[in-house]
Amino acid sequence: MPDRAVAWLRELGAAELAHPGGTLLSHLERVQDLLGSWGARPALRRAGLCHALYGTDGFGTALLPPGRRAEPAEVIGAEAEAIVYLYASCDRAASYPTLAAAEPSFRDRFTGAVHCPDLRSRRDLAELSAANELDLARIDPGFHREWGAGLLGLFTGWRDLLSEPALRECRAVLGDGTADGDGGQRAFG
């Protein structure tokens, strides 16, 4: 399935789209690999490979509109596509501050709908978010300088949602500095 997904992403133009560290496809593959190194289940790894299909709150370029969800579900599976949609639809400023709360409030940036994702979905969102941002922080020193402290604050605040390998990597890549006070609410990459 990963080979099929990579070929499909190439057809959609991900290998030609510029992104920090090369192309969007190379970023997507690095995120998938990072999730794999943390022991993520196959559906989450496939979601990591395709996480930017519908664009994101931090990366506006979409390979597909969210109205075509059946296509990626056929290529990567329904579970992985649901993770991709959750990640892409996340209004980060509205959703990130409460993600680890007992009663989180998630706002879908496409529809405006607000709901409370289940714990597994929130863990998937946190893990995928961490993998995405850590890849960018490794590749782009300017990104690391600008967003690293805020991301560290955000991810340590999500410690109950992140796997131990992910949290360890967040601390290793982003350092043990103090968050910049915004609680990680800005729209990162």
N, C-alpha and C. Protein backbone atom coordinates (compact mmCIF):
# COMPACT_ATOMS: atom_id res chain seq x y z
N MET A 1 0.80 -1.21 0.00
CA MET A 1 0.00 0.00 0.00
C MET A 1 0.85 1.28 0.00
N PRO A 2 1.97 1.36 0.78
CA PRO A 2 2.77 2.59 0.74
C PRO A 2 3.28 2.92 -0.65
N ASP A 3 3.71 1.92 -1.42
CA ASP A 3 4.19 2.19 -2.78
C ASP A 3 3.08 2.76 -3.65
N ARG A 4 1.89 2.20 -3.51
CA ARG A 4 0.73 2.71 -4.25
C ARG A 4 0.42 4.14 -3.83
N ALA A 5 0.49 4.42 -2.54
CA ALA A 5 0.22 5.77 -2.05
C ALA A 5 1.26 6.76 -2.56
N VAL A 6 2.53 6.36 -2.57
CA VAL A 6 3.58 7.25 -3.07
C VAL A 6 3.37 7.53 -4.56
N ALA A 7 3.06 6.52 -5.33
CA ALA A 7 2.79 6.72 -6.76
C ALA A 7 1.61 7.67 -6.96
N TRP A 8 0.58 7.51 -6.16
CA TRP A 8 -0.59 8.36 -6.25
C TRP A 8 -0.25 9.81 -5.88
N LEU A 9 0.56 9.99 -4.82
CA LEU A 9 0.99 11.33 -4.44
C LEU A 9 1.81 11.98 -5.56
N ARG A 10 2.62 11.18 -6.25
CA ARG A 10 3.36 11.71 -7.40
C ARG A 10 2.40 12.19 -8.48
N GLU A 11 1.38 11.38 -8.75
CA GLU A 11 0.37 11.77 -9.75
C GLU A 11 -0.32 13.08 -9.38
N LEU A 12 -0.52 13.30 -8.09
CA LEU A 12 -1.17 14.52 -7.61
C LEU A 12 -0.23 15.73 -7.59
N GLY A 13 1.06 15.51 -7.86
CA GLY A 13 2.01 16.61 -7.95
C GLY A 13 2.85 16.85 -6.71
N ALA A 14 2.80 15.98 -5.72
CA ALA A 14 3.56 16.20 -4.48
C ALA A 14 5.07 16.20 -4.70
N ALA A 15 5.54 15.51 -5.73
CA ALA A 15 6.98 15.45 -5.99
C ALA A 15 7.50 16.71 -6.67
N GLU A 16 6.61 17.55 -7.16
CA GLU A 16 7.01 18.80 -7.81
C GLU A 16 6.76 20.03 -6.96
N LEU A 17 6.05 19.87 -5.88
CA LEU A 17 5.66 21.00 -5.04
C LEU A 17 6.76 21.31 -4.04
N ALA A 18 7.30 22.53 -4.10
CA ALA A 18 8.38 22.92 -3.20
C ALA A 18 7.89 22.95 -1.75
N HIS A 19 8.77 22.51 -0.87
CA HIS A 19 8.47 22.46 0.56
C HIS A 19 9.82 22.49 1.28
N PRO A 20 9.88 23.03 2.51
CA PRO A 20 11.18 23.03 3.21
C PRO A 20 11.82 21.64 3.19
N GLY A 21 13.07 21.61 2.81
CA GLY A 21 13.81 20.35 2.75
C GLY A 21 13.67 19.65 1.41
N GLY A 22 13.12 20.31 0.41
CA GLY A 22 13.00 19.70 -0.93
C GLY A 22 11.61 19.83 -1.48
N THR A 23 10.91 18.71 -1.54
CA THR A 23 9.55 18.70 -2.09
C THR A 23 8.56 18.28 -1.01
N LEU A 24 7.30 18.51 -1.30
CA LEU A 24 6.26 18.06 -0.37
C LEU A 24 6.36 16.55 -0.19
N LEU A 25 6.58 15.81 -1.27
CA LEU A 25 6.65 14.35 -1.15
C LEU A 25 7.78 13.93 -0.22
N SER A 26 8.93 14.56 -0.32
CA SER A 26 10.04 14.17 0.57
C SER A 26 9.68 14.47 2.02
N HIS A 27 9.00 15.58 2.27
CA HIS A 27 8.54 15.88 3.63
C HIS A 27 7.56 14.82 4.12
N LEU A 28 6.59 14.47 3.28
CA LEU A 28 5.59 13.47 3.66
C LEU A 28 6.25 12.13 3.99
N GLU A 29 7.22 11.74 3.20
CA GLU A 29 7.92 10.48 3.46
C GLU A 29 8.71 10.54 4.76
N ARG A 30 9.32 11.70 5.06
CA ARG A 30 10.07 11.83 6.33
C ARG A 30 9.13 11.76 7.52
N VAL A 31 7.95 12.37 7.40
CA VAL A 31 6.97 12.32 8.49
C VAL A 31 6.52 10.88 8.71
N GLN A 32 6.24 10.17 7.63
CA GLN A 32 5.85 8.76 7.74
C GLN A 32 6.96 7.96 8.44
N ASP A 33 8.20 8.17 8.03
CA ASP A 33 9.32 7.44 8.62
C ASP A 33 9.49 7.77 10.11
N LEU A 34 9.32 9.04 10.46
CA LEU A 34 9.45 9.43 11.86
C LEU A 34 8.38 8.75 12.71
N LEU A 35 7.15 8.76 12.21
CA LEU A 35 6.08 8.06 12.93
C LEU A 35 6.41 6.57 13.08
N GLY A 36 6.95 5.98 12.04
CA GLY A 36 7.35 4.58 12.11
C GLY A 36 8.43 4.34 13.16
N SER A 37 9.37 5.27 13.27
CA SER A 37 10.44 5.12 14.26
C SER A 37 9.90 5.20 15.69
N TRP A 38 8.73 5.81 15.86
CA TRP A 38 8.10 5.89 17.17
C TRP A 38 7.19 4.69 17.44
N GLY A 39 7.07 3.79 16.48
CA GLY A 39 6.23 2.61 16.67
C GLY A 39 4.76 2.84 16.34
N ALA A 40 4.45 3.87 15.56
CA ALA A 40 3.06 4.15 15.20
C ALA A 40 2.46 2.99 14.40
N ARG A 41 1.19 2.76 14.59
CA ARG A 41 0.50 1.70 13.85
C ARG A 41 0.44 2.07 12.37
N PRO A 42 0.22 1.09 11.49
CA PRO A 42 0.23 1.33 10.04
C PRO A 42 -0.71 2.45 9.58
N ALA A 43 -1.92 2.53 10.11
CA ALA A 43 -2.86 3.57 9.66
C ALA A 43 -2.32 4.96 9.95
N LEU A 44 -1.69 5.15 11.11
CA LEU A 44 -1.14 6.46 11.43
C LEU A 44 0.07 6.77 10.55
N ARG A 45 0.88 5.77 10.25
CA ARG A 45 2.02 6.00 9.34
C ARG A 45 1.52 6.39 7.95
N ARG A 46 0.48 5.71 7.46
CA ARG A 46 -0.07 6.07 6.15
C ARG A 46 -0.67 7.48 6.18
N ALA A 47 -1.30 7.83 7.28
CA ALA A 47 -1.81 9.20 7.42
C ALA A 47 -0.67 10.20 7.40
N GLY A 48 0.45 9.86 8.03
CA GLY A 48 1.62 10.73 7.99
C GLY A 48 2.11 10.95 6.57
N LEU A 49 2.05 9.91 5.77
CA LEU A 49 2.47 10.01 4.37
C LEU A 49 1.55 10.93 3.57
N CYS A 50 0.29 10.99 3.95
CA CYS A 50 -0.70 11.75 3.16
C CYS A 50 -1.28 12.94 3.91
N HIS A 51 -0.65 13.37 5.00
CA HIS A 51 -1.28 14.35 5.88
C HIS A 51 -1.58 15.69 5.25
N ALA A 52 -0.95 16.05 4.15
CA ALA A 52 -1.18 17.36 3.54
C ALA A 52 -2.11 17.30 2.32
N LEU A 53 -2.79 16.19 2.12
CA LEU A 53 -3.66 16.05 0.95
C LEU A 53 -4.63 17.20 0.78
N TYR A 54 -5.28 17.60 1.87
CA TYR A 54 -6.30 18.64 1.81
C TYR A 54 -5.76 20.00 2.22
N GLY A 55 -4.43 20.12 2.28
CA GLY A 55 -3.83 21.32 2.84
C GLY A 55 -3.97 21.25 4.36
N THR A 56 -3.40 22.23 5.05
CA THR A 56 -3.51 22.28 6.50
C THR A 56 -3.68 23.74 6.91
N ASP A 57 -3.91 23.95 8.18
CA ASP A 57 -4.02 25.31 8.71
C ASP A 57 -2.70 26.06 8.54
N GLY A 58 -1.59 25.34 8.42
CA GLY A 58 -0.28 25.97 8.26
C GLY A 58 0.29 25.84 6.86
N PHE A 59 -0.32 25.06 5.99
CA PHE A 59 0.16 24.84 4.62
C PHE A 59 -1.07 24.82 3.72
N GLY A 60 -1.36 25.93 3.09
CA GLY A 60 -2.61 26.12 2.37
C GLY A 60 -2.76 25.36 1.07
N THR A 61 -1.68 24.87 0.50
CA THR A 61 -1.77 24.17 -0.78
C THR A 61 -2.37 22.78 -0.59
N ALA A 62 -3.45 22.51 -1.30
CA ALA A 62 -4.10 21.21 -1.22
C ALA A 62 -3.87 20.42 -2.50
N LEU A 63 -3.66 19.13 -2.36
CA LEU A 63 -3.54 18.24 -3.51
C LEU A 63 -4.92 17.78 -3.97
N LEU A 64 -5.86 17.74 -3.03
CA LEU A 64 -7.24 17.35 -3.30
C LEU A 64 -8.17 18.21 -2.45
N PRO A 65 -9.37 18.50 -2.93
CA PRO A 65 -10.34 19.17 -2.07
C PRO A 65 -10.93 18.16 -1.08
N PRO A 66 -11.34 18.61 0.10
CA PRO A 66 -11.88 17.67 1.08
C PRO A 66 -13.16 16.97 0.63
N GLY A 67 -13.78 17.46 -0.41
CA GLY A 67 -14.98 16.80 -0.94
C GLY A 67 -14.68 15.49 -1.68
N ARG A 68 -13.41 15.18 -1.87
CA ARG A 68 -13.02 13.96 -2.59
C ARG A 68 -12.40 12.93 -1.64
N ARG A 69 -12.94 12.80 -0.45
CA ARG A 69 -12.37 11.92 0.58
C ARG A 69 -12.40 10.44 0.21
N ALA A 70 -13.28 10.04 -0.66
CA ALA A 70 -13.37 8.63 -1.02
C ALA A 70 -12.10 8.15 -1.73
N GLU A 71 -11.46 9.02 -2.51
CA GLU A 71 -10.25 8.62 -3.25
C GLU A 71 -9.11 8.22 -2.32
N PRO A 72 -8.71 9.08 -1.37
CA PRO A 72 -7.63 8.64 -0.47
C PRO A 72 -8.04 7.46 0.40
N ALA A 73 -9.32 7.39 0.77
CA ALA A 73 -9.76 6.24 1.57
C ALA A 73 -9.53 4.94 0.82
N GLU A 74 -9.69 4.97 -0.49
CA GLU A 74 -9.45 3.78 -1.30
C GLU A 74 -7.96 3.44 -1.38
N VAL A 75 -7.13 4.46 -1.39
CA VAL A 75 -5.68 4.25 -1.54
C VAL A 75 -5.01 3.89 -0.21
N ILE A 76 -5.35 4.60 0.86
CA ILE A 76 -4.64 4.40 2.14
C ILE A 76 -5.51 3.77 3.23
N GLY A 77 -6.79 3.58 2.95
CA GLY A 77 -7.70 2.98 3.93
C GLY A 77 -8.51 4.05 4.64
N ALA A 78 -9.69 3.68 5.07
CA ALA A 78 -10.62 4.62 5.69
C ALA A 78 -10.09 5.18 7.01
N GLU A 79 -9.44 4.33 7.81
CA GLU A 79 -8.91 4.81 9.09
C GLU A 79 -7.84 5.87 8.88
N ALA A 80 -6.91 5.62 7.97
CA ALA A 80 -5.84 6.59 7.70
C ALA A 80 -6.42 7.88 7.12
N GLU A 81 -7.40 7.75 6.23
CA GLU A 81 -8.01 8.95 5.64
C GLU A 81 -8.71 9.78 6.70
N ALA A 82 -9.36 9.14 7.66
CA ALA A 82 -10.03 9.88 8.74
C ALA A 82 -9.02 10.67 9.56
N ILE A 83 -7.84 10.12 9.78
CA ILE A 83 -6.78 10.83 10.49
C ILE A 83 -6.30 12.02 9.65
N VAL A 84 -6.12 11.80 8.34
CA VAL A 84 -5.71 12.88 7.44
C VAL A 84 -6.72 14.01 7.49
N TYR A 85 -8.00 13.67 7.41
CA TYR A 85 -9.03 14.71 7.43
C TYR A 85 -9.01 15.46 8.76
N LEU A 86 -8.91 14.75 9.87
CA LEU A 86 -8.88 15.40 11.18
C LEU A 86 -7.70 16.37 11.24
N TYR A 87 -6.54 15.93 10.79
CA TYR A 87 -5.35 16.78 10.81
C TYR A 87 -5.53 18.01 9.91
N ALA A 88 -6.01 17.78 8.70
CA ALA A 88 -6.16 18.88 7.74
C ALA A 88 -7.24 19.86 8.15
N SER A 89 -8.28 19.35 8.78
CA SER A 89 -9.42 20.20 9.12
C SER A 89 -9.23 20.97 10.42
N CYS A 90 -8.16 20.69 11.13
CA CYS A 90 -7.95 21.30 12.45
C CYS A 90 -7.72 22.80 12.36
N ASP A 91 -8.61 23.56 12.97
CA ASP A 91 -8.39 24.99 13.20
C ASP A 91 -7.48 25.05 14.42
N ARG A 92 -6.22 25.25 14.19
CA ARG A 92 -5.22 25.09 15.24
C ARG A 92 -5.40 26.10 16.38
N ALA A 93 -5.68 27.35 16.05
CA ALA A 93 -5.84 28.36 17.11
C ALA A 93 -7.01 28.01 18.02
N ALA A 94 -8.06 27.46 17.47
CA ALA A 94 -9.25 27.11 18.27
C ALA A 94 -9.11 25.75 18.94
N SER A 95 -8.40 24.82 18.33
CA SER A 95 -8.39 23.44 18.80
C SER A 95 -7.19 23.05 19.66
N TYR A 96 -6.01 23.53 19.32
CA TYR A 96 -4.81 23.11 20.04
C TYR A 96 -4.86 23.38 21.54
N PRO A 97 -5.36 24.55 21.99
CA PRO A 97 -5.33 24.83 23.43
C PRO A 97 -6.11 23.84 24.29
N THR A 98 -7.13 23.20 23.73
CA THR A 98 -7.95 22.29 24.54
C THR A 98 -7.74 20.81 24.19
N LEU A 99 -6.83 20.52 23.28
CA LEU A 99 -6.69 19.14 22.80
C LEU A 99 -6.44 18.14 23.92
N ALA A 100 -5.65 18.52 24.92
CA ALA A 100 -5.33 17.60 26.01
C ALA A 100 -6.30 17.74 27.19
N ALA A 101 -7.29 18.60 27.08
CA ALA A 101 -8.25 18.80 28.18
C ALA A 101 -9.21 17.63 28.30
N ALA A 102 -9.84 17.52 29.45
CA ALA A 102 -10.82 16.44 29.67
C ALA A 102 -11.98 16.55 28.69
N GLU A 103 -12.36 17.77 28.34
CA GLU A 103 -13.44 18.00 27.36
C GLU A 103 -12.93 18.92 26.27
N PRO A 104 -12.18 18.36 25.32
CA PRO A 104 -11.60 19.19 24.26
C PRO A 104 -12.67 19.75 23.33
N SER A 105 -12.31 20.85 22.69
CA SER A 105 -13.19 21.47 21.70
C SER A 105 -12.40 21.55 20.40
N PHE A 106 -12.82 20.79 19.41
CA PHE A 106 -12.13 20.74 18.12
C PHE A 106 -12.98 21.48 17.10
N ARG A 107 -12.38 22.46 16.42
CA ARG A 107 -13.10 23.20 15.38
C ARG A 107 -12.58 22.79 14.02
N ASP A 108 -13.50 22.35 13.16
CA ASP A 108 -13.21 21.96 11.78
C ASP A 108 -13.11 23.25 10.95
N ARG A 109 -11.94 23.54 10.40
CA ARG A 109 -11.74 24.77 9.65
C ARG A 109 -12.48 24.77 8.31
N PHE A 110 -12.87 23.61 7.81
CA PHE A 110 -13.61 23.54 6.54
C PHE A 110 -15.10 23.81 6.74
N THR A 111 -15.66 23.29 7.82
CA THR A 111 -17.11 23.38 8.02
C THR A 111 -17.51 24.33 9.15
N GLY A 112 -16.57 24.64 10.03
CA GLY A 112 -16.89 25.46 11.19
C GLY A 112 -17.50 24.66 12.33
N ALA A 113 -17.78 23.39 12.11
CA ALA A 113 -18.39 22.55 13.14
C ALA A 113 -17.40 22.35 14.30
N VAL A 114 -17.95 22.28 15.50
CA VAL A 114 -17.15 22.04 16.70
C VAL A 114 -17.59 20.71 17.30
N HIS A 115 -16.63 19.87 17.64
CA HIS A 115 -16.95 18.60 18.26
C HIS A 115 -15.84 18.19 19.22
N CYS A 116 -16.03 17.08 19.89
CA CYS A 116 -15.06 16.56 20.86
C CYS A 116 -14.55 15.22 20.34
N PRO A 117 -13.36 15.20 19.72
CA PRO A 117 -12.82 13.93 19.21
C PRO A 117 -12.52 12.96 20.36
N ASP A 118 -12.64 11.67 20.06
CA ASP A 118 -12.31 10.68 21.08
C ASP A 118 -10.81 10.69 21.36
N LEU A 119 -10.44 10.02 22.43
CA LEU A 119 -9.04 10.05 22.89
C LEU A 119 -8.08 9.51 21.83
N ARG A 120 -8.42 8.43 21.16
CA ARG A 120 -7.51 7.87 20.15
C ARG A 120 -7.30 8.88 19.01
N SER A 121 -8.34 9.55 18.60
CA SER A 121 -8.22 10.56 17.53
C SER A 121 -7.34 11.72 17.98
N ARG A 122 -7.49 12.14 19.21
CA ARG A 122 -6.66 13.24 19.72
C ARG A 122 -5.20 12.81 19.83
N ARG A 123 -4.98 11.56 20.22
CA ARG A 123 -3.60 11.06 20.27
C ARG A 123 -2.99 11.00 18.87
N ASP A 124 -3.77 10.53 17.91
CA ASP A 124 -3.28 10.50 16.52
C ASP A 124 -2.96 11.90 16.03
N LEU A 125 -3.84 12.86 16.31
CA LEU A 125 -3.62 14.24 15.89
C LEU A 125 -2.36 14.81 16.53
N ALA A 126 -2.18 14.56 17.82
CA ALA A 126 -0.99 15.06 18.51
C ALA A 126 0.28 14.43 17.95
N GLU A 127 0.26 13.14 17.75
CA GLU A 127 1.45 12.43 17.25
C GLU A 127 1.81 12.90 15.84
N LEU A 128 0.81 13.02 14.97
CA LEU A 128 1.05 13.48 13.61
C LEU A 128 1.52 14.93 13.61
N SER A 129 0.93 15.76 14.44
CA SER A 129 1.36 17.16 14.54
C SER A 129 2.82 17.25 14.98
N ALA A 130 3.18 16.47 15.98
CA ALA A 130 4.56 16.49 16.45
C ALA A 130 5.52 16.03 15.35
N ALA A 131 5.19 14.95 14.65
CA ALA A 131 6.08 14.46 13.58
C ALA A 131 6.24 15.50 12.48
N ASN A 132 5.15 16.15 12.10
CA ASN A 132 5.21 17.17 11.06
C ASN A 132 6.11 18.33 11.48
N GLU A 133 5.86 18.87 12.66
CA GLU A 133 6.60 20.04 13.10
C GLU A 133 8.07 19.72 13.40
N LEU A 134 8.35 18.54 13.93
CA LEU A 134 9.73 18.17 14.19
C LEU A 134 10.52 18.04 12.89
N ASP A 135 9.87 17.51 11.85
CA ASP A 135 10.56 17.44 10.56
C ASP A 135 10.92 18.84 10.09
N LEU A 136 9.99 19.77 10.19
CA LEU A 136 10.26 21.14 9.76
C LEU A 136 11.35 21.79 10.61
N ALA A 137 11.32 21.55 11.92
CA ALA A 137 12.32 22.13 12.81
C ALA A 137 13.72 21.60 12.52
N ARG A 138 13.81 20.34 12.11
CA ARG A 138 15.11 19.76 11.75
C ARG A 138 15.65 20.34 10.45
N ILE A 139 14.76 20.52 9.50
CA ILE A 139 15.15 20.92 8.14
C ILE A 139 15.44 22.40 8.01
N ASP A 140 14.70 23.22 8.76
CA ASP A 140 14.72 24.67 8.55
C ASP A 140 15.13 25.39 9.84
N PRO A 141 16.38 25.85 9.93
CA PRO A 141 16.82 26.53 11.15
C PRO A 141 15.99 27.77 11.49
N GLY A 142 15.51 28.49 10.48
CA GLY A 142 14.67 29.66 10.73
C GLY A 142 13.35 29.27 11.38
N PHE A 143 12.77 28.18 10.89
CA PHE A 143 11.54 27.68 11.49
C PHE A 143 11.79 27.30 12.95
N HIS A 144 12.89 26.61 13.18
CA HIS A 144 13.24 26.19 14.54
C HIS A 144 13.39 27.40 15.45
N ARG A 145 14.10 28.43 14.99
CA ARG A 145 14.29 29.63 15.81
C ARG A 145 12.96 30.31 16.12
N GLU A 146 12.11 30.43 15.10
CA GLU A 146 10.85 31.16 15.27
C GLU A 146 9.81 30.39 16.09
N TRP A 147 9.71 29.10 15.86
CA TRP A 147 8.61 28.33 16.44
C TRP A 147 9.03 27.28 17.47
N GLY A 148 10.32 27.01 17.61
CA GLY A 148 10.77 25.91 18.46
C GLY A 148 10.29 26.00 19.90
N ALA A 149 10.44 27.15 20.54
CA ALA A 149 10.03 27.28 21.94
C ALA A 149 8.52 27.09 22.10
N GLY A 150 7.74 27.68 21.21
CA GLY A 150 6.28 27.52 21.27
C GLY A 150 5.86 26.08 21.05
N LEU A 151 6.53 25.42 20.11
CA LEU A 151 6.22 24.01 19.86
C LEU A 151 6.57 23.14 21.06
N LEU A 152 7.71 23.42 21.67
CA LEU A 152 8.09 22.65 22.85
C LEU A 152 7.04 22.81 23.94
N GLY A 153 6.56 24.02 24.14
CA GLY A 153 5.52 24.26 25.13
C GLY A 153 4.24 23.53 24.79
N LEU A 154 3.87 23.57 23.51
CA LEU A 154 2.66 22.88 23.06
C LEU A 154 2.79 21.38 23.29
N PHE A 155 3.89 20.79 22.83
CA PHE A 155 4.03 19.34 22.91
C PHE A 155 4.22 18.83 24.33
N THR A 156 4.91 19.58 25.17
CA THR A 156 5.00 19.13 26.56
C THR A 156 3.64 19.25 27.24
N GLY A 157 2.81 20.19 26.81
CA GLY A 157 1.44 20.28 27.31
C GLY A 157 0.58 19.12 26.85
N TRP A 158 0.99 18.49 25.78
CA TRP A 158 0.28 17.32 25.25
C TRP A 158 0.91 16.01 25.72
N ARG A 159 1.71 16.04 26.76
CA ARG A 159 2.45 14.85 27.18
C ARG A 159 1.56 13.64 27.42
N ASP A 160 0.31 13.86 27.80
CA ASP A 160 -0.59 12.72 28.02
C ASP A 160 -1.16 12.16 26.71
N LEU A 161 -0.96 12.89 25.63
CA LEU A 161 -1.44 12.43 24.32
C LEU A 161 -0.33 11.82 23.48
N LEU A 162 0.89 12.26 23.69
CA LEU A 162 2.02 11.80 22.87
C LEU A 162 2.63 10.51 23.42
N SER A 163 3.13 9.68 22.51
CA SER A 163 3.87 8.50 22.93
C SER A 163 5.18 8.94 23.58
N GLU A 164 5.75 8.08 24.37
CA GLU A 164 7.02 8.40 25.01
C GLU A 164 8.12 8.66 23.98
N PRO A 165 8.23 7.85 22.89
CA PRO A 165 9.26 8.18 21.88
C PRO A 165 9.04 9.54 21.24
N ALA A 166 7.80 9.92 20.99
CA ALA A 166 7.52 11.23 20.39
C ALA A 166 7.90 12.36 21.34
N LEU A 167 7.53 12.22 22.58
CA LEU A 167 7.84 13.26 23.57
C LEU A 167 9.34 13.39 23.76
N ARG A 168 10.04 12.27 23.78
CA ARG A 168 11.50 12.30 23.90
C ARG A 168 12.11 13.03 22.71
N GLU A 169 11.60 12.74 21.51
CA GLU A 169 12.14 13.40 20.32
C GLU A 169 11.82 14.89 20.31
N CYS A 170 10.64 15.27 20.78
CA CYS A 170 10.29 16.69 20.89
C CYS A 170 11.32 17.41 21.76
N ARG A 171 11.64 16.81 22.89
CA ARG A 171 12.61 17.44 23.80
C ARG A 171 14.00 17.48 23.18
N ALA A 172 14.37 16.42 22.47
CA ALA A 172 15.71 16.36 21.86
C ALA A 172 15.85 17.38 20.74
N VAL A 173 14.84 17.50 19.89
CA VAL A 173 14.93 18.40 18.74
C VAL A 173 14.70 19.85 19.13
N LEU A 174 13.74 20.08 20.01
CA LEU A 174 13.34 21.45 20.33
C LEU A 174 14.04 22.01 21.56
N GLY A 175 14.72 21.15 22.31
CA GLY A 175 15.43 21.60 23.50
C GLY A 175 14.51 21.67 24.69
N ASP A 176 15.04 22.11 25.80
CA ASP A 176 14.27 22.19 27.03
C ASP A 176 14.00 23.64 27.42
N GLY A 177 13.96 24.54 26.43
CA GLY A 177 13.71 25.95 26.70
C GLY A 177 12.29 26.20 27.16
N THR A 178 11.99 27.43 27.41
CA THR A 178 10.67 27.83 27.87
C THR A 178 9.83 28.25 26.68
N ALA A 179 8.56 27.91 26.68
CA ALA A 179 7.63 28.31 25.62
C ALA A 179 7.54 29.82 25.57
N ASP A 180 7.21 30.36 24.42
CA ASP A 180 7.17 31.80 24.23
C ASP A 180 5.90 32.46 24.76
N GLY A 181 5.09 31.72 25.49
CA GLY A 181 3.95 32.31 26.14
C GLY A 181 2.64 32.23 25.35
N ASP A 182 2.68 31.80 24.10
CA ASP A 182 1.42 31.74 23.34
C ASP A 182 0.76 30.38 23.47
N GLY A 183 1.35 29.48 24.25
CA GLY A 183 0.75 28.17 24.46
C GLY A 183 0.72 27.33 23.20
N GLY A 184 1.54 27.67 22.20
CA GLY A 184 1.58 26.89 20.97
C GLY A 184 0.34 27.07 20.11
N GLN A 185 -0.37 28.20 20.25
CA GLN A 185 -1.62 28.38 19.53
C GLN A 185 -1.43 28.90 18.11
N ARG A 186 -0.28 29.36 17.75
CA ARG A 186 -0.07 29.86 16.40
C ARG A 186 -0.18 28.72 15.40
N ALA A 187 -0.46 29.08 14.17
CA ALA A 187 -0.54 28.06 13.11
C ALA A 187 0.86 27.79 12.61
N PHE A 188 1.39 26.64 12.97
CA PHE A 188 2.73 26.25 12.53
C PHE A 188 2.61 25.66 11.14
N GLY A 189 3.73 25.08 10.60
CA GLY A 189 3.75 24.55 9.25
C GLY A 189 2.93 23.34 9.02
